[in-house]
Amino acid sequence: MPKKIPLRQCLGCREMKPKGELIRVVRSPQGEISLDFHGKKPGRGAYLCPDPACLKKVRKSRALERAFALPIPGEVYDGLEGQMEGGGTDG
C-alpha cells in the first residue's frame, strides 16, 4: 500500500499541494511570526507556496491575520518576503 502524502492548502492561491512543497508560516507561543522551512518549529502553522505572488495575495486578503487571529504589522510581511527570497535559511 503506497504511503499517503499529506496535503495542505496554500493561503494565497488556495490550492491543495503536498506539504513538502509548501512553506510553513508559524506563530510561536510567544507570538513571534516566522517562516519554518523544515516544519519542526512549535506553534500554530499556516502554509504558503514558495512564490512571492502568493505572499502578496495573503497580505492583500489578510489571510494570515485570520489564520492566527491577531493583527500582523507590515514589517512582519516584509520580513517574511525577505526570508522567502533568501530561500531556506531557517532563523
PDB file of N, CA and C in Angstrom:
ATOM      1  N   MET A   1       0.846  -1.182   0.000  1.00  0.00           N
ATOM      2  CA  MET A   1       0.000   0.000   0.000  1.00  0.00           C
ATOM      3  C   MET A   1       0.891   1.245   0.000  1.00  0.00           C
ATOM      4  N   PRO A   2       0.681   2.176  -0.962  1.00  0.00           N
ATOM      5  CA  PRO A   2       1.540   3.363  -1.028  1.00  0.00           C
ATOM      6  C   PRO A   2       1.307   4.285   0.163  1.00  0.00           C
ATOM      7  N   LYS A   3       2.388   4.973   0.549  1.00  0.00           N
ATOM      8  CA  LYS A   3       2.319   5.887   1.674  1.00  0.00           C
ATOM      9  C   LYS A   3       1.484   7.118   1.308  1.00  0.00           C
ATOM     10  N   LYS A   4       0.605   7.535   2.204  1.00  0.00           N
ATOM     11  CA  LYS A   4      -0.257   8.677   1.961  1.00  0.00           C
ATOM     12  C   LYS A   4       0.551   9.973   2.106  1.00  0.00           C
ATOM     13  N   ILE A   5       0.415  10.859   1.136  1.00  0.00           N
ATOM     14  CA  ILE A   5       1.126  12.133   1.165  1.00  0.00           C
ATOM     15  C   ILE A   5       0.204  13.187   1.769  1.00  0.00           C
ATOM     16  N   PRO A   6       0.631  13.841   2.869  1.00  0.00           N
ATOM     17  CA  PRO A   6      -0.232  14.853   3.477  1.00  0.00           C
ATOM     18  C   PRO A   6      -0.355  16.085   2.581  1.00  0.00           C
ATOM     19  N   LEU A   7      -1.566  16.595   2.449  1.00  0.00           N
ATOM     20  CA  LEU A   7      -1.832  17.779   1.645  1.00  0.00           C
ATOM     21  C   LEU A   7      -2.179  18.950   2.560  1.00  0.00           C
ATOM     22  N   ARG A   8      -1.768  20.139   2.142  1.00  0.00           N
ATOM     23  CA  ARG A   8      -2.111  21.363   2.857  1.00  0.00           C
ATOM     24  C   ARG A   8      -2.554  22.398   1.824  1.00  0.00           C
ATOM     25  N   GLN A   9      -3.349  23.373   2.277  1.00  0.00           N
ATOM     26  CA  GLN A   9      -3.853  24.398   1.376  1.00  0.00           C
ATOM     27  C   GLN A   9      -3.030  25.670   1.527  1.00  0.00           C
ATOM     28  N   CYS A  10      -2.580  26.206   0.400  1.00  0.00           N
ATOM     29  CA  CYS A  10      -1.859  27.471   0.384  1.00  0.00           C
ATOM     30  C   CYS A  10      -2.845  28.596   0.689  1.00  0.00           C
ATOM     31  N   LEU A  11      -2.463  29.509   1.585  1.00  0.00           N
ATOM     32  CA  LEU A  11      -3.338  30.626   1.928  1.00  0.00           C
ATOM     33  C   LEU A  11      -3.477  31.617   0.777  1.00  0.00           C
ATOM     34  N   GLY A  12      -2.493  31.664  -0.112  1.00  0.00           N
ATOM     35  CA  GLY A  12      -2.526  32.626  -1.215  1.00  0.00           C
ATOM     36  C   GLY A  12      -3.362  32.155  -2.381  1.00  0.00           C
ATOM     37  N   CYS A  13      -2.967  31.049  -3.011  1.00  0.00           N
ATOM     38  CA  CYS A  13      -3.660  30.573  -4.211  1.00  0.00           C
ATOM     39  C   CYS A  13      -4.793  29.603  -3.883  1.00  0.00           C
ATOM     40  N   ARG A  14      -4.891  29.168  -2.624  1.00  0.00           N
ATOM     41  CA  ARG A  14      -5.942  28.275  -2.138  1.00  0.00           C
ATOM     42  C   ARG A  14      -5.912  26.891  -2.780  1.00  0.00           C
ATOM     43  N   GLU A  15      -4.761  26.486  -3.319  1.00  0.00           N
ATOM     44  CA  GLU A  15      -4.634  25.162  -3.928  1.00  0.00           C
ATOM     45  C   GLU A  15      -4.115  24.164  -2.900  1.00  0.00           C
ATOM     46  N   MET A  16      -4.619  22.933  -3.000  1.00  0.00           N
ATOM     47  CA  MET A  16      -4.126  21.848  -2.155  1.00  0.00           C
ATOM     48  C   MET A  16      -2.854  21.293  -2.793  1.00  0.00           C
ATOM     49  N   LYS A  17      -1.778  21.257  -2.024  1.00  0.00           N
ATOM     50  CA  LYS A  17      -0.500  20.773  -2.526  1.00  0.00           C
ATOM     51  C   LYS A  17       0.136  19.887  -1.470  1.00  0.00           C
ATOM     52  N   PRO A  18       1.086  19.025  -1.885  1.00  0.00           N
ATOM     53  CA  PRO A  18       1.805  18.224  -0.886  1.00  0.00           C
ATOM     54  C   PRO A  18       2.516  19.121   0.120  1.00  0.00           C
ATOM     55  N   LYS A  19       2.461  18.720   1.361  1.00  0.00           N
ATOM     56  CA  LYS A  19       3.022  19.501   2.466  1.00  0.00           C
ATOM     57  C   LYS A  19       4.477  19.893   2.228  1.00  0.00           C
ATOM     58  N   GLY A  20       5.256  19.000   1.624  1.00  0.00           N
ATOM     59  CA  GLY A  20       6.670  19.257   1.401  1.00  0.00           C
ATOM     60  C   GLY A  20       6.958  20.350   0.393  1.00  0.00           C
ATOM     61  N   GLU A  21       5.998  20.682  -0.458  1.00  0.00           N
ATOM     62  CA  GLU A  21       6.188  21.732  -1.455  1.00  0.00           C
ATOM     63  C   GLU A  21       5.883  23.119  -0.910  1.00  0.00           C
ATOM     64  N   LEU A  22       5.266  23.198   0.263  1.00  0.00           N
ATOM     65  CA  LEU A  22       4.830  24.470   0.819  1.00  0.00           C
ATOM     66  C   LEU A  22       5.753  24.912   1.950  1.00  0.00           C
ATOM     67  N   ILE A  23       5.723  26.209   2.225  1.00  0.00           N
ATOM     68  CA  ILE A  23       6.486  26.781   3.341  1.00  0.00           C
ATOM     69  C   ILE A  23       5.504  27.032   4.477  1.00  0.00           C
ATOM     70  N   ARG A  24       5.901  26.640   5.665  1.00  0.00           N
ATOM     71  CA  ARG A  24       5.049  26.821   6.842  1.00  0.00           C
ATOM     72  C   ARG A  24       5.356  28.164   7.483  1.00  0.00           C
ATOM     73  N   VAL A  25       4.323  28.936   7.737  1.00  0.00           N
ATOM     74  CA  VAL A  25       4.443  30.183   8.492  1.00  0.00           C
ATOM     75  C   VAL A  25       3.960  29.856   9.897  1.00  0.00           C
ATOM     76  N   VAL A  26       4.756  30.211  10.901  1.00  0.00           N
ATOM     77  CA  VAL A  26       4.480  29.794  12.274  1.00  0.00           C
ATOM     78  C   VAL A  26       4.286  30.992  13.188  1.00  0.00           C
ATOM     79  N   ARG A  27       3.254  30.909  14.030  1.00  0.00           N
ATOM     80  CA  ARG A  27       3.117  31.834  15.155  1.00  0.00           C
ATOM     81  C   ARG A  27       3.559  31.069  16.383  1.00  0.00           C
ATOM     82  N   SER A  28       4.675  31.488  16.948  1.00  0.00           N
ATOM     83  CA  SER A  28       5.216  30.792  18.114  1.00  0.00           C
ATOM     84  C   SER A  28       4.338  31.064  19.334  1.00  0.00           C
ATOM     85  N   PRO A  29       4.497  30.271  20.398  1.00  0.00           N
ATOM     86  CA  PRO A  29       3.728  30.533  21.628  1.00  0.00           C
ATOM     87  C   PRO A  29       3.963  31.934  22.199  1.00  0.00           C
ATOM     88  N   GLN A  30       5.109  32.551  21.859  1.00  0.00           N
ATOM     89  CA  GLN A  30       5.406  33.913  22.324  1.00  0.00           C
ATOM     90  C   GLN A  30       4.783  34.968  21.421  1.00  0.00           C
ATOM     91  N   GLY A  31       4.181  34.557  20.286  1.00  0.00           N
ATOM     92  CA  GLY A  31       3.532  35.494  19.385  1.00  0.00           C
ATOM     93  C   GLY A  31       4.403  35.933  18.218  1.00  0.00           C
ATOM     94  N   GLU A  32       5.608  35.398  18.108  1.00  0.00           N
ATOM     95  CA  GLU A  32       6.515  35.755  17.016  1.00  0.00           C
ATOM     96  C   GLU A  32       6.119  34.990  15.757  1.00  0.00           C
ATOM     97  N   ILE A  33       6.153  35.662  14.605  1.00  0.00           N
ATOM     98  CA  ILE A  33       5.783  35.029  13.339  1.00  0.00           C
ATOM     99  C   ILE A  33       7.023  34.887  12.472  1.00  0.00           C
ATOM    100  N   SER A  34       7.237  33.668  11.946  1.00  0.00           N
ATOM    101  CA  SER A  34       8.408  33.415  11.112  1.00  0.00           C
ATOM    102  C   SER A  34       8.104  32.298  10.123  1.00  0.00           C
ATOM    103  N   LEU A  35       9.017  32.113   9.168  1.00  0.00           N
ATOM    104  CA  LEU A  35       8.893  31.013   8.217  1.00  0.00           C
ATOM    105  C   LEU A  35       9.598  29.797   8.784  1.00  0.00           C
ATOM    106  N   ASP A  36       9.010  28.641   8.564  1.00  0.00           N
ATOM    107  CA  ASP A  36       9.566  27.373   9.043  1.00  0.00           C
ATOM    108  C   ASP A  36       9.773  26.478   7.825  1.00  0.00           C
ATOM    109  N   PHE A  37      10.995  26.470   7.302  1.00  0.00           N
ATOM    110  CA  PHE A  37      11.271  25.715   6.085  1.00  0.00           C
ATOM    111  C   PHE A  37      11.326  24.211   6.331  1.00  0.00           C
ATOM    112  N   HIS A  38      11.513  23.796   7.594  1.00  0.00           N
ATOM    113  CA  HIS A  38      11.654  22.372   7.900  1.00  0.00           C
ATOM    114  C   HIS A  38      10.416  21.772   8.551  1.00  0.00           C
ATOM    115  N   GLY A  39       9.448  22.598   8.944  1.00  0.00           N
ATOM    116  CA  GLY A  39       8.209  22.100   9.532  1.00  0.00           C
ATOM    117  C   GLY A  39       8.362  21.559  10.934  1.00  0.00           C
ATOM    118  N   LYS A  40       9.358  22.035  11.680  1.00  0.00           N
ATOM    119  CA  LYS A  40       9.622  21.486  13.014  1.00  0.00           C
ATOM    120  C   LYS A  40       9.387  22.478  14.154  1.00  0.00           C
ATOM    121  N   LYS A  41       9.215  23.750  13.847  1.00  0.00           N
ATOM    122  CA  LYS A  41       9.066  24.747  14.909  1.00  0.00           C
ATOM    123  C   LYS A  41       7.736  24.564  15.632  1.00  0.00           C
ATOM    124  N   PRO A  42       7.724  24.807  16.938  1.00  0.00           N
ATOM    125  CA  PRO A  42       6.460  24.701  17.676  1.00  0.00           C
ATOM    126  C   PRO A  42       5.576  25.915  17.421  1.00  0.00           C
ATOM    127  N   GLY A  43       4.282  25.706  17.461  1.00  0.00           N
ATOM    128  CA  GLY A  43       3.339  26.805  17.320  1.00  0.00           C
ATOM    129  C   GLY A  43       2.300  26.531  16.260  1.00  0.00           C
ATOM    130  N   ARG A  44       1.430  27.497  16.085  1.00  0.00           N
ATOM    131  CA  ARG A  44       0.344  27.416  15.103  1.00  0.00           C
ATOM    132  C   ARG A  44       0.913  27.649  13.716  1.00  0.00           C
ATOM    133  N   GLY A  45       0.554  26.801  12.766  1.00  0.00           N
ATOM    134  CA  GLY A  45       1.107  26.904  11.425  1.00  0.00           C
ATOM    135  C   GLY A  45       0.067  27.188  10.361  1.00  0.00           C
ATOM    136  N   ALA A  46       0.521  27.860   9.314  1.00  0.00           N
ATOM    137  CA  ALA A  46      -0.265  28.092   8.097  1.00  0.00           C
ATOM    138  C   ALA A  46       0.711  27.904   6.945  1.00  0.00           C
ATOM    139  N   TYR A  47       0.201  27.581   5.773  1.00  0.00           N
ATOM    140  CA  TYR A  47       1.077  27.197   4.672  1.00  0.00           C
ATOM    141  C   TYR A  47       0.960  28.135   3.479  1.00  0.00           C
ATOM    142  N   LEU A  48       2.116  28.350   2.817  1.00  0.00           N
ATOM    143  CA  LEU A  48       2.215  29.203   1.642  1.00  0.00           C
ATOM    144  C   LEU A  48       3.062  28.537   0.580  1.00  0.00           C
ATOM    145  N   CYS A  49       2.742  28.789  -0.685  1.00  0.00           N
ATOM    146  CA  CYS A  49       3.628  28.366  -1.775  1.00  0.00           C
ATOM    147  C   CYS A  49       4.919  29.190  -1.673  1.00  0.00           C
ATOM    148  N   PRO A  50       6.032  28.654  -2.144  1.00  0.00           N
ATOM    149  CA  PRO A  50       7.275  29.435  -2.112  1.00  0.00           C
ATOM    150  C   PRO A  50       7.310  30.473  -3.235  1.00  0.00           C
ATOM    151  N   ASP A  51       6.193  31.126  -3.471  1.00  0.00           N
ATOM    152  CA  ASP A  51       6.042  32.087  -4.555  1.00  0.00           C
ATOM    153  C   ASP A  51       5.700  33.452  -3.950  1.00  0.00           C
ATOM    154  N   PRO A  52       6.494  34.488  -4.240  1.00  0.00           N
ATOM    155  CA  PRO A  52       6.184  35.817  -3.687  1.00  0.00           C
ATOM    156  C   PRO A  52       4.795  36.326  -4.082  1.00  0.00           C
ATOM    157  N   ALA A  53       4.253  35.865  -5.207  1.00  0.00           N
ATOM    158  CA  ALA A  53       2.909  36.284  -5.613  1.00  0.00           C
ATOM    159  C   ALA A  53       1.867  35.790  -4.611  1.00  0.00           C
ATOM    160  N   CYS A  54       2.046  34.588  -4.086  1.00  0.00           N
ATOM    161  CA  CYS A  54       1.112  34.067  -3.078  1.00  0.00           C
ATOM    162  C   CYS A  54       1.199  34.894  -1.796  1.00  0.00           C
ATOM    163  N   LEU A  55       2.417  35.303  -1.424  1.00  0.00           N
ATOM    164  CA  LEU A  55       2.578  36.131  -0.230  1.00  0.00           C
ATOM    165  C   LEU A  55       1.873  37.472  -0.418  1.00  0.00           C
ATOM    166  N   LYS A  56       1.927  38.028  -1.628  1.00  0.00           N
ATOM    167  CA  LYS A  56       1.235  39.295  -1.899  1.00  0.00           C
ATOM    168  C   LYS A  56      -0.276  39.121  -1.781  1.00  0.00           C
ATOM    169  N   LYS A  57      -0.800  37.993  -2.263  1.00  0.00           N
ATOM    170  CA  LYS A  57      -2.234  37.727  -2.141  1.00  0.00           C
ATOM    171  C   LYS A  57      -2.631  37.605  -0.678  1.00  0.00           C
ATOM    172  N   VAL A  58      -1.792  36.927   0.102  1.00  0.00           N
ATOM    173  CA  VAL A  58      -2.065  36.745   1.532  1.00  0.00           C
ATOM    174  C   VAL A  58      -2.064  38.088   2.242  1.00  0.00           C
ATOM    175  N   ARG A  59      -1.114  38.939   1.874  1.00  0.00           N
ATOM    176  CA  ARG A  59      -1.026  40.265   2.501  1.00  0.00           C
ATOM    177  C   ARG A  59      -2.267  41.094   2.172  1.00  0.00           C
ATOM    178  N   LYS A  60      -2.701  41.050   0.914  1.00  0.00           N
ATOM    179  CA  LYS A  60      -3.859  41.833   0.484  1.00  0.00           C
ATOM    180  C   LYS A  60      -5.154  41.333   1.130  1.00  0.00           C
ATOM    181  N   SER A  61      -5.319  40.008   1.211  1.00  0.00           N
ATOM    182  CA  SER A  61      -6.557  39.436   1.746  1.00  0.00           C
ATOM    183  C   SER A  61      -6.549  39.296   3.268  1.00  0.00           C
ATOM    184  N   ARG A  62      -5.383  39.555   3.886  1.00  0.00           N
ATOM    185  CA  ARG A  62      -5.205  39.427   5.339  1.00  0.00           C
ATOM    186  C   ARG A  62      -5.487  38.012   5.825  1.00  0.00           C
ATOM    187  N   ALA A  63      -5.150  37.034   5.014  1.00  0.00           N
ATOM    188  CA  ALA A  63      -5.410  35.633   5.353  1.00  0.00           C
ATOM    189  C   ALA A  63      -4.605  35.187   6.573  1.00  0.00           C
ATOM    190  N   LEU A  64      -3.367  35.669   6.718  1.00  0.00           N
ATOM    191  CA  LEU A  64      -2.570  35.287   7.895  1.00  0.00           C
ATOM    192  C   LEU A  64      -3.189  35.841   9.176  1.00  0.00           C
ATOM    193  N   GLU A  65      -3.713  37.036   9.102  1.00  0.00           N
ATOM    194  CA  GLU A  65      -4.347  37.620  10.291  1.00  0.00           C
ATOM    195  C   GLU A  65      -5.539  36.776  10.735  1.00  0.00           C
ATOM    196  N   ARG A  66      -6.307  36.263   9.763  1.00  0.00           N
ATOM    197  CA  ARG A  66      -7.431  35.396  10.112  1.00  0.00           C
ATOM    198  C   ARG A  66      -6.947  34.048  10.620  1.00  0.00           C
ATOM    199  N   ALA A  67      -5.894  33.503  10.013  1.00  0.00           N
ATOM    200  CA  ALA A  67      -5.396  32.190  10.419  1.00  0.00           C
ATOM    201  C   ALA A  67      -4.832  32.219  11.842  1.00  0.00           C
ATOM    202  N   PHE A  68      -4.170  33.322  12.183  1.00  0.00           N
ATOM    203  CA  PHE A  68      -3.532  33.407  13.503  1.00  0.00           C
ATOM    204  C   PHE A  68      -4.354  34.203  14.505  1.00  0.00           C
ATOM    205  N   ALA A  69      -5.463  34.781  14.075  1.00  0.00           N
ATOM    206  CA  ALA A  69      -6.372  35.548  14.939  1.00  0.00           C
ATOM    207  C   ALA A  69      -5.643  36.655  15.699  1.00  0.00           C
ATOM    208  N   LEU A  70      -4.762  37.374  14.990  1.00  0.00           N
ATOM    209  CA  LEU A  70      -4.106  38.524  15.579  1.00  0.00           C
ATOM    210  C   LEU A  70      -3.666  39.468  14.466  1.00  0.00           C
ATOM    211  N   PRO A  71      -3.608  40.775  14.747  1.00  0.00           N
ATOM    212  CA  PRO A  71      -3.169  41.722  13.716  1.00  0.00           C
ATOM    213  C   PRO A  71      -1.681  41.540  13.419  1.00  0.00           C
ATOM    214  N   ILE A  72      -1.336  41.646  12.140  1.00  0.00           N
ATOM    215  CA  ILE A  72       0.054  41.446  11.729  1.00  0.00           C
ATOM    216  C   ILE A  72       0.551  42.736  11.087  1.00  0.00           C
ATOM    217  N   PRO A  73       1.599  43.357  11.659  1.00  0.00           N
ATOM    218  CA  PRO A  73       2.119  44.603  11.085  1.00  0.00           C
ATOM    219  C   PRO A  73       2.823  44.371   9.744  1.00  0.00           C
ATOM    220  N   GLY A  74       2.926  45.420   8.949  1.00  0.00           N
ATOM    221  CA  GLY A  74       3.552  45.341   7.633  1.00  0.00           C
ATOM    222  C   GLY A  74       4.995  44.888   7.683  1.00  0.00           C
ATOM    223  N   GLU A  75       5.703  45.218   8.769  1.00  0.00           N
ATOM    224  CA  GLU A  75       7.109  44.824   8.880  1.00  0.00           C
ATOM    225  C   GLU A  75       7.260  43.303   8.893  1.00  0.00           C
ATOM    226  N   VAL A  76       6.285  42.617   9.459  1.00  0.00           N
ATOM    227  CA  VAL A  76       6.340  41.153   9.501  1.00  0.00           C
ATOM    228  C   VAL A  76       6.243  40.594   8.081  1.00  0.00           C
ATOM    229  N   TYR A  77       5.335  41.140   7.280  1.00  0.00           N
ATOM    230  CA  TYR A  77       5.213  40.691   5.890  1.00  0.00           C
ATOM    231  C   TYR A  77       6.512  40.968   5.120  1.00  0.00           C
ATOM    232  N   ASP A  78       7.099  42.138   5.371  1.00  0.00           N
ATOM    233  CA  ASP A  78       8.363  42.478   4.709  1.00  0.00           C
ATOM    234  C   ASP A  78       9.456  41.485   5.111  1.00  0.00           C
ATOM    235  N   GLY A  79       9.483  41.132   6.386  1.00  0.00           N
ATOM    236  CA  GLY A  79      10.457  40.153   6.872  1.00  0.00           C
ATOM    237  C   GLY A  79      10.224  38.778   6.266  1.00  0.00           C
ATOM    238  N   LEU A  80       8.957  38.377   6.152  1.00  0.00           N
ATOM    239  CA  LEU A  80       8.641  37.087   5.545  1.00  0.00           C
ATOM    240  C   LEU A  80       9.065  37.072   4.084  1.00  0.00           C
ATOM    241  N   GLU A  81       8.851  38.183   3.394  1.00  0.00           N
ATOM    242  CA  GLU A  81       9.247  38.273   1.988  1.00  0.00           C
ATOM    243  C   GLU A  81      10.765  38.158   1.862  1.00  0.00           C
ATOM    244  N   GLY A  82      11.497  38.809   2.769  1.00  0.00           N
ATOM    245  CA  GLY A  82      12.957  38.712   2.760  1.00  0.00           C
ATOM    246  C   GLY A  82      13.436  37.302   3.036  1.00  0.00           C
ATOM    247  N   GLN A  83      12.812  36.626   4.003  1.00  0.00           N
ATOM    248  CA  GLN A  83      13.179  35.238   4.313  1.00  0.00           C
ATOM    249  C   GLN A  83      12.872  34.326   3.143  1.00  0.00           C
ATOM    250  N   MET A  84      11.731  34.578   2.477  1.00  0.00           N
ATOM    251  CA  MET A  84      11.335  33.735   1.350  1.00  0.00           C
ATOM    252  C   MET A  84      12.328  33.895   0.186  1.00  0.00           C
ATOM    253  N   GLU A  85      12.737  35.132  -0.065  1.00  0.00           N
ATOM    254  CA  GLU A  85      13.707  35.384  -1.129  1.00  0.00           C
ATOM    255  C   GLU A  85      15.068  34.812  -0.770  1.00  0.00           C
ATOM    256  N   GLY A  86      15.407  34.818   0.541  1.00  0.00           N
ATOM    257  CA  GLY A  86      16.671  34.231   0.991  1.00  0.00           C
ATOM    258  C   GLY A  86      16.704  32.732   0.773  1.00  0.00           C
ATOM    259  N   GLY A  87      15.552  32.102   0.804  1.00  0.00           N
ATOM    260  CA  GLY A  87      15.410  30.700   0.436  1.00  0.00           C
ATOM    261  C   GLY A  87      16.052  29.709   1.375  1.00  0.00           C
ATOM    262  N   GLY A  88      15.301  29.272   2.360  1.00  0.00           N
ATOM    263  CA  GLY A  88      15.731  28.134   3.145  1.00  0.00           C
ATOM    264  C   GLY A  88      16.562  28.438   4.362  1.00  0.00           C
ATOM    265  N   THR A  89      16.858  29.701   4.636  1.00  0.00           N
ATOM    266  CA  THR A  89      17.593  29.997   5.853  1.00  0.00           C
ATOM    267  C   THR A  89      16.602  30.074   6.991  1.00  0.00           C
ATOM    268  N   ASP A  90      16.635  29.086   7.835  1.00  0.00           N
ATOM    269  CA  ASP A  90      15.664  28.963   8.921  1.00  0.00           C
ATOM    270  C   ASP A  90      16.210  29.666  10.151  1.00  0.00           C
ATOM    271  N   GLY A  91      15.645  30.818  10.502  1.00  0.00           N
ATOM    272  CA  GLY A  91      16.230  31.559  11.586  1.00  0.00           C
ATOM    273  C   GLY A  91      15.299  31.680  12.694  1.00  0.00           C
TER     274      GLY A  91
END
